[in-house]
Structures are given as C-alpha cells and as structure tokens.
C-alpha cells in the first residue's frame, strides 16, 4: 500500500479543518500573517512548515497543535474520503446531515 508523505497528510488535515471552519485560504492567511500562496502550498504538502508557522496557523484556527496532528490512523480510507466529502458540502447540506446523525445517535442511546 502506497503511503502518502507526512507533509501531504498534514496538509490535507489543515485543509479539512480550515474548510470545517468555513475559512478561505486568504482568510486563514490574513489571520495567521502568512501569504495565501503559502497556505495553499502547505495544504498541498509542497512546503514543510516550521513549528512557528504551525503555531501561527493553529492559533489562527483556534485549535491546539495536537488537533492538527490528530490523524485518526484507525480511520479507513473510505471513511476519511467520506469525511473529506462532507467538508466540501455547502453549509446547509452539512447542517442537514449533522441533524440526521444527531437523531440517529439519540435513537441509539435510547435503545
């Protein structure tokens, strides 16, 4: 099985978190004091950020550094693809799916 370079994995995680917060690359760049092109390069795994850069980005996202590196290694590829697709949905569709999941979880608790 072909394993992605860690810079690509972290970049994908960064993109997923940014999109989850409904931020553009430009907005994240502005918040973190970095150039939008550099944010894109990080997300594509083309650049290896310093710890200071990681700190700037995670502070701007309002997350601990550990969350960026929480890669859920036990998540299967198809599950990760589903999660990434959810992040690409519009806000209204994403909220509808969250409500469906919440109802299902409540139903499971009641069982």
PDB file of N, CA and C in Angstrom:
ATOM      1  N   UNK A   1       0.838  -1.186   0.000  1.00  0.00           N
ATOM      2  CA  UNK A   1       0.000   0.000   0.000  1.00  0.00           C
ATOM      3  C   UNK A   1       0.880   1.245   0.000  1.00  0.00           C
ATOM      4  N   UNK A   2       0.589   2.162  -0.894  1.00  0.00           N
ATOM      5  CA  UNK A   2       1.362   3.394  -1.022  1.00  0.00           C
ATOM      6  C   UNK A   2       0.973   4.361   0.088  1.00  0.00           C
ATOM      7  N   UNK A   3       1.964   4.815   0.844  1.00  0.00           N
ATOM      8  CA  UNK A   3       1.699   5.739   1.941  1.00  0.00           C
ATOM      9  C   UNK A   3       2.049   7.158   1.509  1.00  0.00           C
ATOM     10  N   UNK A   4       1.161   8.087   1.813  1.00  0.00           N
ATOM     11  CA  UNK A   4       1.381   9.489   1.460  1.00  0.00           C
ATOM     12  C   UNK A   4       2.477  10.073   2.340  1.00  0.00           C
ATOM     13  N   UNK A   5       3.242  11.027   1.802  1.00  0.00           N
ATOM     14  CA  UNK A   5       4.218  11.737   2.642  1.00  0.00           C
ATOM     15  C   UNK A   5       3.483  12.476   3.764  1.00  0.00           C
ATOM     16  N   UNK A   6       4.141  12.610   4.906  1.00  0.00           N
ATOM     17  CA  UNK A   6       3.514  13.247   6.071  1.00  0.00           C
ATOM     18  C   UNK A   6       3.127  14.691   5.755  1.00  0.00           C
ATOM     19  N   UNK A   7       3.894  15.372   4.914  1.00  0.00           N
ATOM     20  CA  UNK A   7       3.542  16.760   4.572  1.00  0.00           C
ATOM     21  C   UNK A   7       2.203  16.819   3.842  1.00  0.00           C
ATOM     22  N   UNK A   8       1.903  15.811   3.038  1.00  0.00           N
ATOM     23  CA  UNK A   8       0.624  15.753   2.327  1.00  0.00           C
ATOM     24  C   UNK A   8      -0.507  15.438   3.299  1.00  0.00           C
ATOM     25  N   UNK A   9      -0.262  14.500   4.208  1.00  0.00           N
ATOM     26  CA  UNK A   9      -1.282  14.121   5.188  1.00  0.00           C
ATOM     27  C   UNK A   9      -1.635  15.307   6.086  1.00  0.00           C
ATOM     28  N   UNK A  10      -0.620  16.001   6.572  1.00  0.00           N
ATOM     29  CA  UNK A  10      -0.849  17.172   7.434  1.00  0.00           C
ATOM     30  C   UNK A  10      -1.522  18.283   6.629  1.00  0.00           C
ATOM     31  N   UNK A  11      -1.112  18.465   5.390  1.00  0.00           N
ATOM     32  CA  UNK A  11      -1.741  19.476   4.542  1.00  0.00           C
ATOM     33  C   UNK A  11      -3.220  19.200   4.319  1.00  0.00           C
ATOM     34  N   UNK A  12      -3.557  17.933   4.097  1.00  0.00           N
ATOM     35  CA  UNK A  12      -4.960  17.561   3.927  1.00  0.00           C
ATOM     36  C   UNK A  12      -5.743  17.809   5.214  1.00  0.00           C
ATOM     37  N   UNK A  13      -5.113  17.522   6.334  1.00  0.00           N
ATOM     38  CA  UNK A  13      -5.756  17.757   7.627  1.00  0.00           C
ATOM     39  C   UNK A  13      -5.976  19.261   7.834  1.00  0.00           C
ATOM     40  N   UNK A  14      -4.987  20.058   7.484  1.00  0.00           N
ATOM     41  CA  UNK A  14      -5.108  21.511   7.594  1.00  0.00           C
ATOM     42  C   UNK A  14      -6.261  22.015   6.731  1.00  0.00           C
ATOM     43  N   UNK A  15      -6.342  21.540   5.485  1.00  0.00           N
ATOM     44  CA  UNK A  15      -7.417  21.958   4.582  1.00  0.00           C
ATOM     45  C   UNK A  15      -8.784  21.570   5.152  1.00  0.00           C
ATOM     46  N   UNK A  16      -8.889  20.346   5.677  1.00  0.00           N
ATOM     47  CA  UNK A  16     -10.170  19.887   6.232  1.00  0.00           C
ATOM     48  C   UNK A  16     -10.608  20.761   7.406  1.00  0.00           C
ATOM     49  N   UNK A  17      -9.674  21.100   8.292  1.00  0.00           N
ATOM     50  CA  UNK A  17     -10.010  21.942   9.445  1.00  0.00           C
ATOM     51  C   UNK A  17     -10.398  23.346   8.980  1.00  0.00           C
ATOM     52  N   UNK A  18      -9.638  23.886   8.020  1.00  0.00           N
ATOM     53  CA  UNK A  18      -9.946  25.231   7.506  1.00  0.00           C
ATOM     54  C   UNK A  18     -11.341  25.257   6.884  1.00  0.00           C
ATOM     55  N   UNK A  19     -11.645  24.256   6.074  1.00  0.00           N
ATOM     56  CA  UNK A  19     -12.955  24.212   5.426  1.00  0.00           C
ATOM     57  C   UNK A  19     -14.075  23.983   6.443  1.00  0.00           C
ATOM     58  N   UNK A  20     -13.789  23.188   7.457  1.00  0.00           N
ATOM     59  CA  UNK A  20     -14.781  22.953   8.512  1.00  0.00           C
ATOM     60  C   UNK A  20     -15.154  24.266   9.189  1.00  0.00           C
ATOM     61  N   UNK A  21     -14.193  25.157   9.285  1.00  0.00           N
ATOM     62  CA  UNK A  21     -14.435  26.464   9.896  1.00  0.00           C
ATOM     63  C   UNK A  21     -14.923  27.498   8.873  1.00  0.00           C
ATOM     64  N   UNK A  22     -15.159  27.055   7.668  1.00  0.00           N
ATOM     65  CA  UNK A  22     -15.657  27.888   6.570  1.00  0.00           C
ATOM     66  C   UNK A  22     -14.768  29.125   6.374  1.00  0.00           C
ATOM     67  N   UNK A  23     -13.477  28.857   6.281  1.00  0.00           N
ATOM     68  CA  UNK A  23     -12.499  29.911   6.007  1.00  0.00           C
ATOM     69  C   UNK A  23     -11.885  29.670   4.639  1.00  0.00           C
ATOM     70  N   UNK A  24     -11.625  30.732   3.913  1.00  0.00           N
ATOM     71  CA  UNK A  24     -10.878  30.611   2.660  1.00  0.00           C
ATOM     72  C   UNK A  24      -9.389  30.592   3.000  1.00  0.00           C
ATOM     73  N   UNK A  25      -8.583  30.199   2.021  1.00  0.00           N
ATOM     74  CA  UNK A  25      -7.136  30.253   2.221  1.00  0.00           C
ATOM     75  C   UNK A  25      -6.694  31.682   2.499  1.00  0.00           C
ATOM     76  N   UNK A  26      -7.322  32.625   1.815  1.00  0.00           N
ATOM     77  CA  UNK A  26      -6.968  34.033   2.008  1.00  0.00           C
ATOM     78  C   UNK A  26      -7.288  34.495   3.424  1.00  0.00           C
ATOM     79  N   UNK A  27      -8.442  34.079   3.933  1.00  0.00           N
ATOM     80  CA  UNK A  27      -8.814  34.468   5.300  1.00  0.00           C
ATOM     81  C   UNK A  27      -7.856  33.870   6.326  1.00  0.00           C
ATOM     82  N   UNK A  28      -7.511  32.586   6.158  1.00  0.00           N
ATOM     83  CA  UNK A  28      -6.564  31.964   7.084  1.00  0.00           C
ATOM     84  C   UNK A  28      -5.206  32.644   6.981  1.00  0.00           C
ATOM     85  N   UNK A  29      -4.792  32.967   5.770  1.00  0.00           N
ATOM     86  CA  UNK A  29      -3.510  33.651   5.588  1.00  0.00           C
ATOM     87  C   UNK A  29      -3.505  34.990   6.322  1.00  0.00           C
ATOM     88  N   UNK A  30      -4.581  35.753   6.178  1.00  0.00           N
ATOM     89  CA  UNK A  30      -4.678  37.050   6.843  1.00  0.00           C
ATOM     90  C   UNK A  30      -4.620  36.884   8.369  1.00  0.00           C
ATOM     91  N   UNK A  31      -5.380  35.909   8.884  1.00  0.00           N
ATOM     92  CA  UNK A  31      -5.414  35.690  10.337  1.00  0.00           C
ATOM     93  C   UNK A  31      -4.055  35.266  10.893  1.00  0.00           C
ATOM     94  N   UNK A  32      -3.315  34.504  10.097  1.00  0.00           N
ATOM     95  CA  UNK A  32      -2.047  33.956  10.584  1.00  0.00           C
ATOM     96  C   UNK A  32      -0.826  34.781  10.176  1.00  0.00           C
ATOM     97  N   UNK A  33      -1.041  35.820   9.370  1.00  0.00           N
ATOM     98  CA  UNK A  33       0.080  36.657   8.948  1.00  0.00           C
ATOM     99  C   UNK A  33       0.962  35.979   7.912  1.00  0.00           C
ATOM    100  N   UNK A  34       0.385  35.050   7.146  1.00  0.00           N
ATOM    101  CA  UNK A  34       1.126  34.344   6.112  1.00  0.00           C
ATOM    102  C   UNK A  34       0.555  34.703   4.746  1.00  0.00           C
ATOM    103  N   UNK A  35       1.254  34.349   3.698  1.00  0.00           N
ATOM    104  CA  UNK A  35       0.786  34.633   2.341  1.00  0.00           C
ATOM    105  C   UNK A  35      -0.204  33.541   1.909  1.00  0.00           C
ATOM    106  N   UNK A  36      -1.275  33.903   1.209  1.00  0.00           N
ATOM    107  CA  UNK A  36      -2.250  32.903   0.753  1.00  0.00           C
ATOM    108  C   UNK A  36      -1.626  31.785  -0.096  1.00  0.00           C
ATOM    109  N   UNK A  37      -0.635  32.138  -0.913  1.00  0.00           N
ATOM    110  CA  UNK A  37       0.042  31.124  -1.724  1.00  0.00           C
ATOM    111  C   UNK A  37       0.723  30.092  -0.831  1.00  0.00           C
ATOM    112  N   UNK A  38       1.303  30.556   0.262  1.00  0.00           N
ATOM    113  CA  UNK A  38       1.992  29.665   1.195  1.00  0.00           C
ATOM    114  C   UNK A  38       0.987  28.725   1.865  1.00  0.00           C
ATOM    115  N   UNK A  39      -0.178  29.231   2.225  1.00  0.00           N
ATOM    116  CA  UNK A  39      -1.223  28.370   2.815  1.00  0.00           C
ATOM    117  C   UNK A  39      -1.590  27.270   1.826  1.00  0.00           C
ATOM    118  N   UNK A  40      -1.748  27.620   0.566  1.00  0.00           N
ATOM    119  CA  UNK A  40      -2.048  26.627  -0.474  1.00  0.00           C
ATOM    120  C   UNK A  40      -0.945  25.587  -0.593  1.00  0.00           C
ATOM    121  N   UNK A  41       0.296  26.035  -0.531  1.00  0.00           N
ATOM    122  CA  UNK A  41       1.428  25.108  -0.614  1.00  0.00           C
ATOM    123  C   UNK A  41       1.455  24.167   0.593  1.00  0.00           C
ATOM    124  N   UNK A  42       1.125  24.696   1.772  1.00  0.00           N
ATOM    125  CA  UNK A  42       1.044  23.840   2.963  1.00  0.00           C
ATOM    126  C   UNK A  42      -0.037  22.789   2.794  1.00  0.00           C
ATOM    127  N   UNK A  43      -1.197  23.206   2.316  1.00  0.00           N
ATOM    128  CA  UNK A  43      -2.326  22.292   2.166  1.00  0.00           C
ATOM    129  C   UNK A  43      -2.053  21.212   1.125  1.00  0.00           C
ATOM    130  N   UNK A  44      -1.247  21.515   0.136  1.00  0.00           N
ATOM    131  CA  UNK A  44      -0.905  20.516  -0.889  1.00  0.00           C
ATOM    132  C   UNK A  44       0.307  19.682  -0.489  1.00  0.00           C
ATOM    133  N   UNK A  45       0.907  19.993   0.651  1.00  0.00           N
ATOM    134  CA  UNK A  45       2.075  19.245   1.109  1.00  0.00           C
ATOM    135  C   UNK A  45       3.352  19.602   0.380  1.00  0.00           C
ATOM    136  N   UNK A  46       3.359  20.763  -0.257  1.00  0.00           N
ATOM    137  CA  UNK A  46       4.529  21.190  -1.025  1.00  0.00           C
ATOM    138  C   UNK A  46       5.581  21.863  -0.148  1.00  0.00           C
ATOM    139  N   UNK A  47       5.183  22.340   1.008  1.00  0.00           N
ATOM    140  CA  UNK A  47       6.101  23.023   1.928  1.00  0.00           C
ATOM    141  C   UNK A  47       6.079  22.313   3.282  1.00  0.00           C
ATOM    142  N   UNK A  48       7.226  22.331   3.945  1.00  0.00           N
ATOM    143  CA  UNK A  48       7.333  21.801   5.301  1.00  0.00           C
ATOM    144  C   UNK A  48       7.422  22.988   6.253  1.00  0.00           C
ATOM    145  N   UNK A  49       6.360  23.245   7.006  1.00  0.00           N
ATOM    146  CA  UNK A  49       6.352  24.433   7.870  1.00  0.00           C
ATOM    147  C   UNK A  49       7.244  24.270   9.090  1.00  0.00           C
ATOM    148  N   UNK A  50       7.712  25.401   9.589  1.00  0.00           N
ATOM    149  CA  UNK A  50       8.434  25.395  10.856  1.00  0.00           C
ATOM    150  C   UNK A  50       7.415  25.266  11.985  1.00  0.00           C
ATOM    151  N   UNK A  51       7.882  24.997  13.171  1.00  0.00           N
ATOM    152  CA  UNK A  51       6.987  24.910  14.327  1.00  0.00           C
ATOM    153  C   UNK A  51       6.342  26.267  14.595  1.00  0.00           C
ATOM    154  N   UNK A  52       7.052  27.354  14.307  1.00  0.00           N
ATOM    155  CA  UNK A  52       6.479  28.694  14.482  1.00  0.00           C
ATOM    156  C   UNK A  52       5.317  28.920  13.523  1.00  0.00           C
ATOM    157  N   UNK A  53       5.461  28.447  12.284  1.00  0.00           N
ATOM    158  CA  UNK A  53       4.383  28.572  11.306  1.00  0.00           C
ATOM    159  C   UNK A  53       3.186  27.732  11.722  1.00  0.00           C
ATOM    160  N   UNK A  54       3.449  26.510  12.176  1.00  0.00           N
ATOM    161  CA  UNK A  54       2.360  25.647  12.647  1.00  0.00           C
ATOM    162  C   UNK A  54       1.628  26.324  13.802  1.00  0.00           C
ATOM    163  N   UNK A  55       2.388  26.942  14.693  1.00  0.00           N
ATOM    164  CA  UNK A  55       1.795  27.644  15.829  1.00  0.00           C
ATOM    165  C   UNK A  55       0.907  28.791  15.352  1.00  0.00           C
ATOM    166  N   UNK A  56       1.388  29.591  14.409  1.00  0.00           N
ATOM    167  CA  UNK A  56       0.590  30.706  13.869  1.00  0.00           C
ATOM    168  C   UNK A  56      -0.723  30.209  13.271  1.00  0.00           C
ATOM    169  N   UNK A  57      -0.638  29.137  12.497  1.00  0.00           N
ATOM    170  CA  UNK A  57      -1.820  28.618  11.808  1.00  0.00           C
ATOM    171  C   UNK A  57      -2.818  28.036  12.810  1.00  0.00           C
ATOM    172  N   UNK A  58      -2.327  27.259  13.771  1.00  0.00           N
ATOM    173  CA  UNK A  58      -3.255  26.648  14.733  1.00  0.00           C
ATOM    174  C   UNK A  58      -3.879  27.690  15.653  1.00  0.00           C
ATOM    175  N   UNK A  59      -3.127  28.701  16.026  1.00  0.00           N
ATOM    176  CA  UNK A  59      -3.687  29.802  16.830  1.00  0.00           C
ATOM    177  C   UNK A  59      -4.785  30.500  16.019  1.00  0.00           C
ATOM    178  N   UNK A  60      -4.521  30.733  14.746  1.00  0.00           N
ATOM    179  CA  UNK A  60      -5.500  31.398  13.888  1.00  0.00           C
ATOM    180  C   UNK A  60      -6.767  30.567  13.714  1.00  0.00           C
ATOM    181  N   UNK A  61      -6.605  29.235  13.726  1.00  0.00           N
ATOM    182  CA  UNK A  61      -7.757  28.344  13.618  1.00  0.00           C
ATOM    183  C   UNK A  61      -8.443  28.118  14.968  1.00  0.00           C
ATOM    184  N   UNK A  62      -7.785  28.560  16.034  1.00  0.00           N
ATOM    185  CA  UNK A  62      -8.351  28.379  17.372  1.00  0.00           C
ATOM    186  C   UNK A  62      -8.316  26.935  17.837  1.00  0.00           C
ATOM    187  N   UNK A  63      -7.285  26.198  17.416  1.00  0.00           N
ATOM    188  CA  UNK A  63      -7.156  24.795  17.805  1.00  0.00           C
ATOM    189  C   UNK A  63      -5.793  24.552  18.434  1.00  0.00           C
ATOM    190  N   UNK A  64      -5.685  23.530  19.282  1.00  0.00           N
ATOM    191  CA  UNK A  64      -4.361  23.175  19.791  1.00  0.00           C
ATOM    192  C   UNK A  64      -3.545  22.506  18.675  1.00  0.00           C
ATOM    193  N   UNK A  65      -2.241  22.616  18.750  1.00  0.00           N
ATOM    194  CA  UNK A  65      -1.377  21.996  17.747  1.00  0.00           C
ATOM    195  C   UNK A  65      -1.680  20.504  17.629  1.00  0.00           C
ATOM    196  N   UNK A  66      -1.972  19.863  18.741  1.00  0.00           N
ATOM    197  CA  UNK A  66      -2.235  18.422  18.722  1.00  0.00           C
ATOM    198  C   UNK A  66      -3.395  18.062  17.806  1.00  0.00           C
ATOM    199  N   UNK A  67      -4.383  18.945  17.665  1.00  0.00           N
ATOM    200  CA  UNK A  67      -5.523  18.647  16.798  1.00  0.00           C
ATOM    201  C   UNK A  67      -5.100  18.552  15.339  1.00  0.00           C
ATOM    202  N   UNK A  68      -4.150  19.360  14.938  1.00  0.00           N
ATOM    203  CA  UNK A  68      -3.656  19.302  13.565  1.00  0.00           C
ATOM    204  C   UNK A  68      -3.003  17.945  13.296  1.00  0.00           C
ATOM    205  N   UNK A  69      -2.359  17.391  14.307  1.00  0.00           N
ATOM    206  CA  UNK A  69      -1.647  16.130  14.143  1.00  0.00           C
ATOM    207  C   UNK A  69      -2.482  14.917  14.531  1.00  0.00           C
ATOM    208  N   UNK A  70      -3.724  15.136  14.916  1.00  0.00           N
ATOM    209  CA  UNK A  70      -4.622  14.018  15.217  1.00  0.00           C
ATOM    210  C   UNK A  70      -5.114  13.467  13.884  1.00  0.00           C
ATOM    211  N   UNK A  71      -4.476  12.405  13.442  1.00  0.00           N
ATOM    212  CA  UNK A  71      -4.718  11.912  12.095  1.00  0.00           C
ATOM    213  C   UNK A  71      -5.674  10.735  12.037  1.00  0.00           C
ATOM    214  N   UNK A  72      -6.150  10.282  13.179  1.00  0.00           N
ATOM    215  CA  UNK A  72      -7.099   9.172  13.212  1.00  0.00           C
ATOM    216  C   UNK A  72      -6.607   8.026  12.341  1.00  0.00           C
ATOM    217  N   UNK A  73      -5.471   7.465  12.715  1.00  0.00           N
ATOM    218  CA  UNK A  73      -4.848   6.419  11.923  1.00  0.00           C
ATOM    219  C   UNK A  73      -5.727   5.185  11.752  1.00  0.00           C
ATOM    220  N   UNK A  74      -6.670   5.002  12.656  1.00  0.00           N
ATOM    221  CA  UNK A  74      -7.521   3.835  12.555  1.00  0.00           C
ATOM    222  C   UNK A  74      -8.725   4.060  11.642  1.00  0.00           C
ATOM    223  N   UNK A  75      -8.870   5.249  11.089  1.00  0.00           N
ATOM    224  CA  UNK A  75      -9.965   5.530  10.168  1.00  0.00           C
ATOM    225  C   UNK A  75      -9.602   4.957   8.804  1.00  0.00           C
ATOM    226  N   UNK A  76     -10.501   4.191   8.246  1.00  0.00           N
ATOM    227  CA  UNK A  76     -10.259   3.581   6.942  1.00  0.00           C
ATOM    228  C   UNK A  76     -10.303   4.650   5.856  1.00  0.00           C
ATOM    229  N   UNK A  77      -9.639   4.365   4.733  1.00  0.00           N
ATOM    230  CA  UNK A  77      -9.571   5.326   3.631  1.00  0.00           C
ATOM    231  C   UNK A  77     -10.955   5.772   3.175  1.00  0.00           C
ATOM    232  N   UNK A  78     -11.890   4.827   3.053  1.00  0.00           N
ATOM    233  CA  UNK A  78     -13.221   5.209   2.576  1.00  0.00           C
ATOM    234  C   UNK A  78     -13.943   6.101   3.587  1.00  0.00           C
ATOM    235  N   UNK A  79     -13.684   5.884   4.885  1.00  0.00           N
ATOM    236  CA  UNK A  79     -14.279   6.746   5.904  1.00  0.00           C
ATOM    237  C   UNK A  79     -13.677   8.146   5.830  1.00  0.00           C
ATOM    238  N   UNK A  80     -12.371   8.216   5.625  1.00  0.00           N
ATOM    239  CA  UNK A  80     -11.710   9.513   5.514  1.00  0.00           C
ATOM    240  C   UNK A  80     -12.216  10.249   4.271  1.00  0.00           C
ATOM    241  N   UNK A  81     -12.402   9.521   3.166  1.00  0.00           N
ATOM    242  CA  UNK A  81     -12.939  10.152   1.961  1.00  0.00           C
ATOM    243  C   UNK A  81     -14.331  10.713   2.215  1.00  0.00           C
ATOM    244  N   UNK A  82     -15.146   9.969   2.960  1.00  0.00           N
ATOM    245  CA  UNK A  82     -16.493  10.444   3.302  1.00  0.00           C
ATOM    246  C   UNK A  82     -16.404  11.720   4.121  1.00  0.00           C
ATOM    247  N   UNK A  83     -15.513  11.740   5.102  1.00  0.00           N
ATOM    248  CA  UNK A  83     -15.352  12.933   5.932  1.00  0.00           C
ATOM    249  C   UNK A  83     -14.885  14.129   5.096  1.00  0.00           C
ATOM    250  N   UNK A  84     -13.970  13.887   4.181  1.00  0.00           N
ATOM    251  CA  UNK A  84     -13.491  14.981   3.339  1.00  0.00           C
ATOM    252  C   UNK A  84     -14.592  15.489   2.417  1.00  0.00           C
ATOM    253  N   UNK A  85     -15.429  14.573   1.907  1.00  0.00           N
ATOM    254  CA  UNK A  85     -16.548  14.988   1.061  1.00  0.00           C
ATOM    255  C   UNK A  85     -17.555  15.811   1.858  1.00  0.00           C
ATOM    256  N   UNK A  86     -17.773  15.449   3.107  1.00  0.00           N
ATOM    257  CA  UNK A  86     -18.688  16.222   3.953  1.00  0.00           C
ATOM    258  C   UNK A  86     -18.200  17.661   4.089  1.00  0.00           C
ATOM    259  N   UNK A  87     -16.896  17.828   4.197  1.00  0.00           N
ATOM    260  CA  UNK A  87     -16.335  19.172   4.340  1.00  0.00           C
ATOM    261  C   UNK A  87     -16.483  19.995   3.075  1.00  0.00           C
ATOM    262  N   UNK A  88     -16.735  19.338   1.939  1.00  0.00           N
ATOM    263  CA  UNK A  88     -16.878  20.053   0.679  1.00  0.00           C
ATOM    264  C   UNK A  88     -18.328  20.444   0.391  1.00  0.00           C
ATOM    265  N   UNK A  89     -19.254  19.968   1.222  1.00  0.00           N
ATOM    266  CA  UNK A  89     -20.664  20.311   1.041  1.00  0.00           C
ATOM    267  C   UNK A  89     -20.926  21.753   1.447  1.00  0.00           C
ATOM    268  N   UNK A  90     -22.018  22.279   0.965  1.00  0.00           N
ATOM    269  CA  UNK A  90     -22.443  23.596   1.409  1.00  0.00           C
ATOM    270  C   UNK A  90     -22.894  23.534   2.860  1.00  0.00           C
ATOM    271  N   UNK A  91     -22.923  24.668   3.500  1.00  0.00           N
ATOM    272  CA  UNK A  91     -23.267  24.731   4.922  1.00  0.00           C
ATOM    273  C   UNK A  91     -24.656  24.160   5.207  1.00  0.00           C
ATOM    274  N   UNK A  92     -25.627  24.462   4.366  1.00  0.00           N
ATOM    275  CA  UNK A  92     -26.993  23.978   4.583  1.00  0.00           C
ATOM    276  C   UNK A  92     -27.054  22.449   4.517  1.00  0.00           C
ATOM    277  N   UNK A  93     -26.400  21.865   3.525  1.00  0.00           N
ATOM    278  CA  UNK A  93     -26.379  20.408   3.395  1.00  0.00           C
ATOM    279  C   UNK A  93     -25.629  19.760   4.557  1.00  0.00           C
ATOM    280  N   UNK A  94     -24.528  20.367   4.956  1.00  0.00           N
ATOM    281  CA  UNK A  94     -23.736  19.828   6.068  1.00  0.00           C
ATOM    282  C   UNK A  94     -24.554  19.853   7.359  1.00  0.00           C
ATOM    283  N   UNK A  95     -25.275  20.946   7.602  1.00  0.00           N
ATOM    284  CA  UNK A  95     -26.095  21.048   8.808  1.00  0.00           C
ATOM    285  C   UNK A  95     -27.231  20.031   8.789  1.00  0.00           C
ATOM    286  N   UNK A  96     -27.811  19.771   7.617  1.00  0.00           N
ATOM    287  CA  UNK A  96     -28.872  18.766   7.500  1.00  0.00           C
ATOM    288  C   UNK A  96     -28.330  17.385   7.844  1.00  0.00           C
ATOM    289  N   UNK A  97     -27.149  17.063   7.361  1.00  0.00           N
ATOM    290  CA  UNK A  97     -26.549  15.766   7.682  1.00  0.00           C
ATOM    291  C   UNK A  97     -26.202  15.653   9.161  1.00  0.00           C
ATOM    292  N   UNK A  98     -25.745  16.731   9.749  1.00  0.00           N
ATOM    293  CA  UNK A  98     -25.426  16.722  11.181  1.00  0.00           C
ATOM    294  C   UNK A  98     -26.690  16.448  11.990  1.00  0.00           C
ATOM    295  N   UNK A  99     -27.812  17.052  11.585  1.00  0.00           N
ATOM    296  CA  UNK A  99     -29.080  16.806  12.287  1.00  0.00           C
ATOM    297  C   UNK A  99     -29.490  15.341  12.169  1.00  0.00           C
ATOM    298  N   UNK A 100     -29.317  14.769  10.989  1.00  0.00           N
ATOM    299  CA  UNK A 100     -29.651  13.350  10.793  1.00  0.00           C
ATOM    300  C   UNK A 100     -28.784  12.475  11.697  1.00  0.00           C
ATOM    301  N   UNK A 101     -27.510  12.769  11.751  1.00  0.00           N
ATOM    302  CA  UNK A 101     -26.597  11.997  12.606  1.00  0.00           C
ATOM    303  C   UNK A 101     -26.980  12.158  14.073  1.00  0.00           C
ATOM    304  N   UNK A 102     -27.309  13.380  14.487  1.00  0.00           N
ATOM    305  CA  UNK A 102     -27.725  13.614  15.876  1.00  0.00           C
ATOM    306  C   UNK A 102     -28.962  12.792  16.231  1.00  0.00           C
ATOM    307  N   UNK A 103     -29.931  12.745  15.332  1.00  0.00           N
ATOM    308  CA  UNK A 103     -31.149  11.963  15.565  1.00  0.00           C
ATOM    309  C   UNK A 103     -30.802  10.484  15.693  1.00  0.00           C
ATOM    310  N   UNK A 104     -29.924   9.999  14.828  1.00  0.00           N
ATOM    311  CA  UNK A 104     -29.526   8.595  14.880  1.00  0.00           C
ATOM    312  C   UNK A 104     -28.801   8.268  16.182  1.00  0.00           C
ATOM    313  N   UNK A 105     -27.944   9.180  16.638  1.00  0.00           N
ATOM    314  CA  UNK A 105     -27.223   8.957  17.895  1.00  0.00           C
ATOM    315  C   UNK A 105     -28.175   8.948  19.087  1.00  0.00           C
ATOM    316  N   UNK A 106     -29.133   9.847  19.077  1.00  0.00           N
ATOM    317  CA  UNK A 106     -30.141   9.865  20.163  1.00  0.00           C
ATOM    318  C   UNK A 106     -30.950   8.579  20.154  1.00  0.00           C
ATOM    319  N   UNK A 107     -31.314   8.115  18.962  1.00  0.00           N
ATOM    320  CA  UNK A 107     -32.074   6.864  18.842  1.00  0.00           C
ATOM    321  C   UNK A 107     -31.243   5.701  19.396  1.00  0.00           C
ATOM    322  N   UNK A 108     -29.953   5.688  19.083  1.00  0.00           N
ATOM    323  CA  UNK A 108     -29.078   4.605  19.565  1.00  0.00           C
ATOM    324  C   UNK A 108     -28.956   4.650  21.087  1.00  0.00           C
ATOM    325  N   UNK A 109     -28.835   5.850  21.656  1.00  0.00           N
ATOM    326  CA  UNK A 109     -28.753   5.990  23.126  1.00  0.00           C
ATOM    327  C   UNK A 109     -30.033   5.475  23.785  1.00  0.00           C
ATOM    328  N   UNK A 110     -31.158   5.732  23.163  1.00  0.00           N
ATOM    329  CA  UNK A 110     -32.443   5.347  23.753  1.00  0.00           C
ATOM    330  C   UNK A 110     -32.665   3.835  23.704  1.00  0.00           C
ATOM    331  N   UNK A 111     -31.972   3.143  22.864  1.00  0.00           N
ATOM    332  CA  UNK A 111     -32.137   1.689  22.736  1.00  0.00           C
ATOM    333  C   UNK A 111     -31.742   0.937  23.956  1.00  0.00           C
TER     334      UNK A 111
END
